[in-house]
Amino acid sequence: MGKKTAIENETQARQSLAALYRVLDRYGMSDLANQEVGARIGTQPDQYLIHAYGLFYDEITASSLVKIDKKGRPVDDASPWLNDGGQNLARWIFGQRKVVNYFVHGHCEDVMAVSATEHGLLPLSQAAVYLGHLVGYIDYAFEEDDVFGNTFMSLADKHDILISHNHGYYCFGRSAKEAFFRSYYLRQACSVQHKALSMTHNNSDMLKLINDQRKDGYREAMYTSEDYNYDGDTEWKGLIRWLDRTAPEYKN
């Protein structure tokens, strides 16, 4: 996990972010034109990319992405309509976390289901084990005022994944592949939990939880293994091959 993250120029960041939008759509992790996914331009660290509001994820191309500054304002005065929530997330996350270059904000139903419970994500699966220590929680707010922004930044500084109660999630990554990996397996962990609870008639006492000692041991073995990557590197290469075969226009 000690790999150095490559610094992307604007063209590379645009292509990586467009790929991330397309891959999320492939796995049913989009929400019509809503949600937000963003990138930092590595060679211009105070400038970020988000999508034009109204475009669906399978329509996103590198050139359709909109560049904004560290205050969330479009660099181009002729910018299309942007979602203010996306603008806020970009300036909060990238302004607060200098090592974060990508984020995914999603509304996957299984994550929303877990977000609506008091106990949050439980250690019920392998995915929950290798993500659980990254997770923090924030109360949902529709009106994102300065108080909410300060709370969000404080929590984002401590966690790589935030679950928003009754709302969704935010996954941060040094790269597009890492942000996707965390988002994909967060959904998987929540899906397993949702199904396990339904099988036990929502009686959490019937669940077979992985205890703290085993959980810590598994996580240590996972992250020190030389046989696997937990930053999405292995999977991302295959996803890009799929995109290049089926939707090469994402790079345009």
Protein backbone atom coordinates (compact mmCIF):
# COMPACT_ATOMS: atom_id res chain seq x y z
CA MET A 1 0.00 0.00 0.00
CA GLY A 2 3.03 2.28 -0.06
CA LYS A 3 2.87 2.98 -3.78
CA LYS A 4 3.51 6.56 -4.82
CA THR A 5 0.54 8.18 -6.56
CA ALA A 6 1.31 9.61 -9.99
CA ILE A 7 0.70 13.34 -10.42
CA GLU A 8 -1.82 13.79 -13.22
CA ASN A 9 -1.91 16.70 -15.64
CA GLU A 10 -5.27 18.12 -16.71
CA THR A 11 -5.75 15.75 -19.65
CA GLN A 12 -4.96 12.72 -17.51
CA ALA A 13 -7.22 13.88 -14.68
CA ARG A 14 -10.08 14.51 -17.11
CA GLN A 15 -9.75 11.04 -18.63
CA SER A 16 -9.45 9.34 -15.25
CA LEU A 17 -12.50 11.15 -13.89
CA ALA A 18 -14.55 10.45 -17.02
CA ALA A 19 -13.57 6.79 -16.67
CA LEU A 20 -14.66 6.81 -13.03
CA TYR A 21 -18.09 8.18 -13.93
CA ARG A 22 -18.53 5.54 -16.65
CA VAL A 23 -17.42 2.66 -14.41
CA LEU A 24 -19.76 3.73 -11.61
CA ASP A 25 -22.59 3.72 -14.12
CA ARG A 26 -21.64 0.25 -15.35
CA TYR A 27 -22.10 -1.15 -11.84
CA GLY A 28 -25.40 0.60 -11.18
CA MET A 29 -23.85 3.13 -8.81
CA SER A 30 -25.31 6.25 -10.43
CA ASP A 31 -28.50 8.14 -9.57
CA LEU A 32 -29.84 9.67 -12.77
CA ALA A 33 -28.07 13.05 -13.02
CA ASN A 34 -27.51 13.33 -9.26
CA GLN A 35 -24.61 12.50 -6.92
CA GLU A 36 -21.15 13.92 -7.57
CA VAL A 37 -17.71 12.64 -8.44
CA GLY A 38 -14.71 14.96 -8.48
CA ALA A 39 -11.00 15.12 -9.21
CA ARG A 40 -8.08 17.37 -8.37
CA ILE A 41 -5.78 18.31 -11.27
CA GLY A 42 -2.45 17.15 -9.90
CA THR A 43 -0.37 19.72 -11.74
CA GLN A 44 -2.84 22.47 -10.76
CA PRO A 45 -3.64 21.37 -7.18
CA ASP A 46 -6.03 24.24 -6.46
CA GLN A 47 -8.20 23.46 -9.49
CA TYR A 48 -10.76 20.68 -9.57
CA LEU A 49 -13.08 18.91 -12.00
CA ILE A 50 -16.76 18.05 -11.58
CA HIS A 51 -19.56 17.24 -14.03
CA ALA A 52 -22.11 19.57 -15.59
CA TYR A 53 -25.39 19.10 -13.75
CA GLY A 54 -27.94 17.32 -15.91
CA LEU A 55 -25.50 14.97 -17.65
CA PHE A 56 -25.95 11.29 -16.87
CA TYR A 57 -22.90 9.26 -15.91
CA ASP A 58 -22.85 7.31 -19.18
CA GLU A 59 -22.67 10.62 -21.09
CA ILE A 60 -19.60 11.99 -19.33
CA THR A 61 -16.51 12.61 -21.45
CA ALA A 62 -13.18 14.16 -20.55
CA SER A 63 -13.99 17.42 -22.33
CA SER A 64 -17.47 17.74 -20.76
CA LEU A 65 -16.04 18.06 -17.25
CA VAL A 66 -16.01 21.53 -15.73
CA LYS A 67 -12.97 23.07 -14.04
CA ILE A 68 -13.52 25.01 -10.83
CA ASP A 69 -11.18 26.86 -8.48
CA LYS A 70 -10.50 26.31 -4.78
CA LYS A 71 -13.54 28.40 -3.87
CA GLY A 72 -15.78 26.22 -6.03
CA ARG A 73 -16.23 28.83 -8.76
CA PRO A 74 -16.07 27.86 -12.46
CA VAL A 75 -12.84 28.92 -14.12
CA ASP A 76 -14.71 29.60 -17.37
CA ASP A 77 -17.42 32.26 -17.17
CA ALA A 78 -19.39 30.36 -19.82
CA SER A 79 -19.61 27.28 -17.62
CA PRO A 80 -22.77 25.11 -17.80
CA TRP A 81 -25.06 24.67 -14.78
CA LEU A 82 -23.29 23.09 -11.81
CA ASN A 83 -24.70 21.42 -8.73
CA ASP A 84 -23.80 23.55 -5.70
CA GLY A 85 -23.42 20.42 -3.61
CA GLY A 86 -20.71 19.22 -5.96
CA GLN A 87 -18.95 22.57 -5.84
CA ASN A 88 -19.02 22.50 -2.03
CA LEU A 89 -17.71 18.94 -1.84
CA ALA A 90 -14.79 19.70 -4.14
CA ARG A 91 -13.65 22.74 -2.19
CA TRP A 92 -14.18 21.08 1.20
CA ILE A 93 -12.54 17.75 0.40
CA PHE A 94 -9.65 18.88 -1.78
CA GLY A 95 -9.05 21.98 0.31
CA GLN A 96 -8.87 19.94 3.51
CA ARG A 97 -7.13 16.76 2.34
CA LYS A 98 -4.04 17.44 0.24
CA VAL A 99 -3.43 13.71 -0.35
CA VAL A 100 -6.95 13.17 -1.73
CA ASN A 101 -7.27 13.59 -5.49
CA TYR A 102 -10.66 11.93 -6.14
CA PHE A 103 -13.95 11.56 -4.34
CA VAL A 104 -17.20 9.70 -4.98
CA HIS A 105 -20.45 10.82 -3.41
CA GLY A 106 -23.18 8.25 -3.92
CA HIS A 107 -26.70 7.25 -2.97
CA CYS A 108 -26.51 3.47 -3.36
CA GLU A 109 -29.60 2.00 -1.73
CA ASP A 110 -27.82 -0.59 0.39
CA VAL A 111 -25.51 2.08 1.81
CA MET A 112 -28.50 4.33 2.46
CA ALA A 113 -30.18 1.44 4.30
CA VAL A 114 -27.17 0.97 6.57
CA SER A 115 -26.89 4.74 7.03
CA ALA A 116 -30.41 4.72 8.49
CA THR A 117 -29.44 2.40 11.37
CA GLU A 118 -27.95 3.34 14.74
CA HIS A 119 -25.22 0.68 14.58
CA GLY A 120 -23.91 1.64 11.13
CA LEU A 121 -21.56 -0.70 9.27
CA LEU A 122 -21.04 -4.00 11.09
CA PRO A 123 -18.10 -6.46 10.75
CA LEU A 124 -20.04 -9.10 8.84
CA SER A 125 -17.92 -9.57 5.71
CA GLN A 126 -14.44 -9.33 4.29
CA ALA A 127 -15.28 -6.00 2.65
CA ALA A 128 -16.47 -4.59 5.98
CA VAL A 129 -13.21 -5.70 7.61
CA TYR A 130 -10.87 -3.96 5.20
CA LEU A 131 -12.97 -0.80 5.03
CA GLY A 132 -14.39 -0.53 8.54
CA HIS A 133 -11.45 1.35 10.05
CA LEU A 134 -11.79 4.03 7.33
CA VAL A 135 -15.43 4.86 8.09
CA GLY A 136 -16.84 7.84 9.95
CA TYR A 137 -20.41 9.16 10.16
CA ILE A 138 -22.03 12.53 9.58
CA ASP A 139 -25.62 13.68 10.02
CA TYR A 140 -27.40 14.58 6.81
CA ALA A 141 -28.17 18.22 6.00
CA PHE A 142 -29.87 19.44 2.83
CA GLU A 143 -28.88 23.07 3.36
CA GLU A 144 -25.08 23.00 3.46
CA ASP A 145 -24.21 26.09 5.51
CA ASP A 146 -20.84 27.01 6.99
CA VAL A 147 -21.52 25.04 10.16
CA PHE A 148 -22.15 21.88 8.16
CA GLY A 149 -19.12 22.59 5.96
CA ASN A 150 -16.84 22.92 8.98
CA THR A 151 -18.21 19.70 10.47
CA PHE A 152 -17.76 17.91 7.15
CA MET A 153 -14.15 19.07 6.76
CA SER A 154 -13.30 18.07 10.32
CA LEU A 155 -14.62 14.55 9.75
CA ALA A 156 -13.14 14.29 6.26
CA ASP A 157 -9.76 15.07 7.77
CA LYS A 158 -10.02 11.95 9.96
CA HIS A 159 -11.73 9.42 7.69
CA ASP A 160 -11.41 8.16 4.11
CA ILE A 161 -15.09 7.16 3.99
CA LEU A 162 -18.01 9.09 5.45
CA ILE A 163 -21.48 7.59 5.70
CA SER A 164 -24.15 10.28 5.77
CA HIS A 165 -27.04 9.18 7.98
CA ASN A 166 -30.27 8.73 6.03
CA HIS A 167 -28.55 9.85 2.85
CA GLY A 168 -25.53 8.12 1.30
CA TYR A 169 -21.74 8.09 1.38
CA TYR A 170 -18.50 9.85 0.46
CA CYS A 171 -15.38 7.89 -0.48
CA PHE A 172 -12.02 9.61 -0.86
CA GLY A 173 -8.97 8.32 -2.72
CA ARG A 174 -5.50 9.27 -3.80
CA SER A 175 -6.48 8.05 -7.26
CA ALA A 176 -9.59 7.26 -9.29
CA LYS A 177 -8.96 3.55 -8.82
CA GLU A 178 -8.76 3.87 -5.03
CA ALA A 179 -11.94 5.97 -4.80
CA PHE A 180 -13.77 3.40 -6.94
CA PHE A 181 -12.43 0.42 -4.99
CA ARG A 182 -13.65 1.89 -1.72
CA SER A 183 -17.04 2.83 -3.16
CA TYR A 184 -17.62 -0.57 -4.76
CA TYR A 185 -16.73 -2.56 -1.67
CA LEU A 186 -18.60 -0.23 0.67
CA ARG A 187 -21.72 -1.02 -1.31
CA GLN A 188 -20.88 -4.73 -1.17
CA ALA A 189 -20.37 -4.63 2.60
CA CYS A 190 -23.67 -2.81 3.09
CA SER A 191 -25.48 -5.20 0.75
CA VAL A 192 -24.26 -8.19 2.76
CA GLN A 193 -25.37 -6.50 5.98
CA HIS A 194 -28.78 -5.65 4.54
CA LYS A 195 -29.32 -9.27 3.46
CA ALA A 196 -27.99 -10.75 6.69
CA LEU A 197 -30.32 -8.60 8.77
CA SER A 198 -33.30 -9.53 6.60
CA MET A 199 -32.46 -13.24 7.09
CA THR A 200 -32.38 -12.79 10.86
CA HIS A 201 -35.62 -10.79 10.87
CA ASN A 202 -33.66 -7.66 11.84
CA ASN A 203 -32.52 -9.26 15.11
CA SER A 204 -28.88 -8.20 15.38
CA ASP A 205 -28.35 -10.65 18.25
CA MET A 206 -28.58 -13.47 15.69
CA LEU A 207 -25.76 -12.11 13.53
CA LYS A 208 -22.34 -13.77 13.55
CA LEU A 209 -20.09 -10.74 13.89
CA ILE A 210 -16.33 -10.91 13.37
CA ASN A 211 -14.87 -10.07 16.78
CA ASP A 212 -12.33 -7.29 17.25
CA GLN A 213 -9.34 -9.59 17.63
CA ARG A 214 -10.07 -11.51 14.44
CA LYS A 215 -11.01 -8.30 12.63
CA ASP A 216 -7.72 -6.63 13.51
CA GLY A 217 -5.75 -9.73 12.56
CA TYR A 218 -7.49 -10.07 9.21
CA ARG A 219 -6.97 -6.41 8.40
CA GLU A 220 -3.28 -6.54 9.27
CA ALA A 221 -2.84 -9.59 7.03
CA MET A 222 -4.75 -7.95 4.19
CA TYR A 223 -2.87 -4.67 4.13
CA THR A 224 0.57 -6.25 4.52
CA SER A 225 -0.03 -8.93 1.88
CA GLU A 226 2.25 -8.88 -1.14
CA ASP A 227 -0.31 -10.84 -3.14
CA TYR A 228 -3.07 -8.26 -3.42
CA ASN A 229 -3.72 -4.53 -3.80
CA TYR A 230 -6.25 -2.68 -1.68
CA ASP A 231 -6.02 0.49 -3.74
CA GLY A 232 -7.94 -0.87 -6.74
CA ASP A 233 -4.85 -1.14 -8.96
CA THR A 234 -5.56 -4.69 -10.12
CA GLU A 235 -9.22 -4.08 -10.94
CA TRP A 236 -8.78 -0.64 -12.49
CA LYS A 237 -6.58 -1.94 -15.30
CA GLY A 238 -9.35 -4.33 -16.35
CA LEU A 239 -12.01 -1.65 -16.10
CA ILE A 240 -10.01 0.64 -18.39
CA ARG A 241 -9.61 -2.21 -20.88
CA TRP A 242 -13.39 -2.67 -20.82
CA LEU A 243 -13.98 1.04 -21.35
CA ASP A 244 -11.48 1.22 -24.21
CA ARG A 245 -13.32 -1.63 -25.92
CA THR A 246 -16.89 -0.52 -25.32
CA ALA A 247 -16.93 3.27 -24.84
CA PRO A 248 -13.63 4.76 -26.03
CA GLU A 249 -15.31 8.15 -26.45
CA TYR A 250 -15.00 8.72 -22.70
CA LYS A 251 -11.48 10.01 -23.42
CA ASN A 252 -12.67 12.71 -25.82
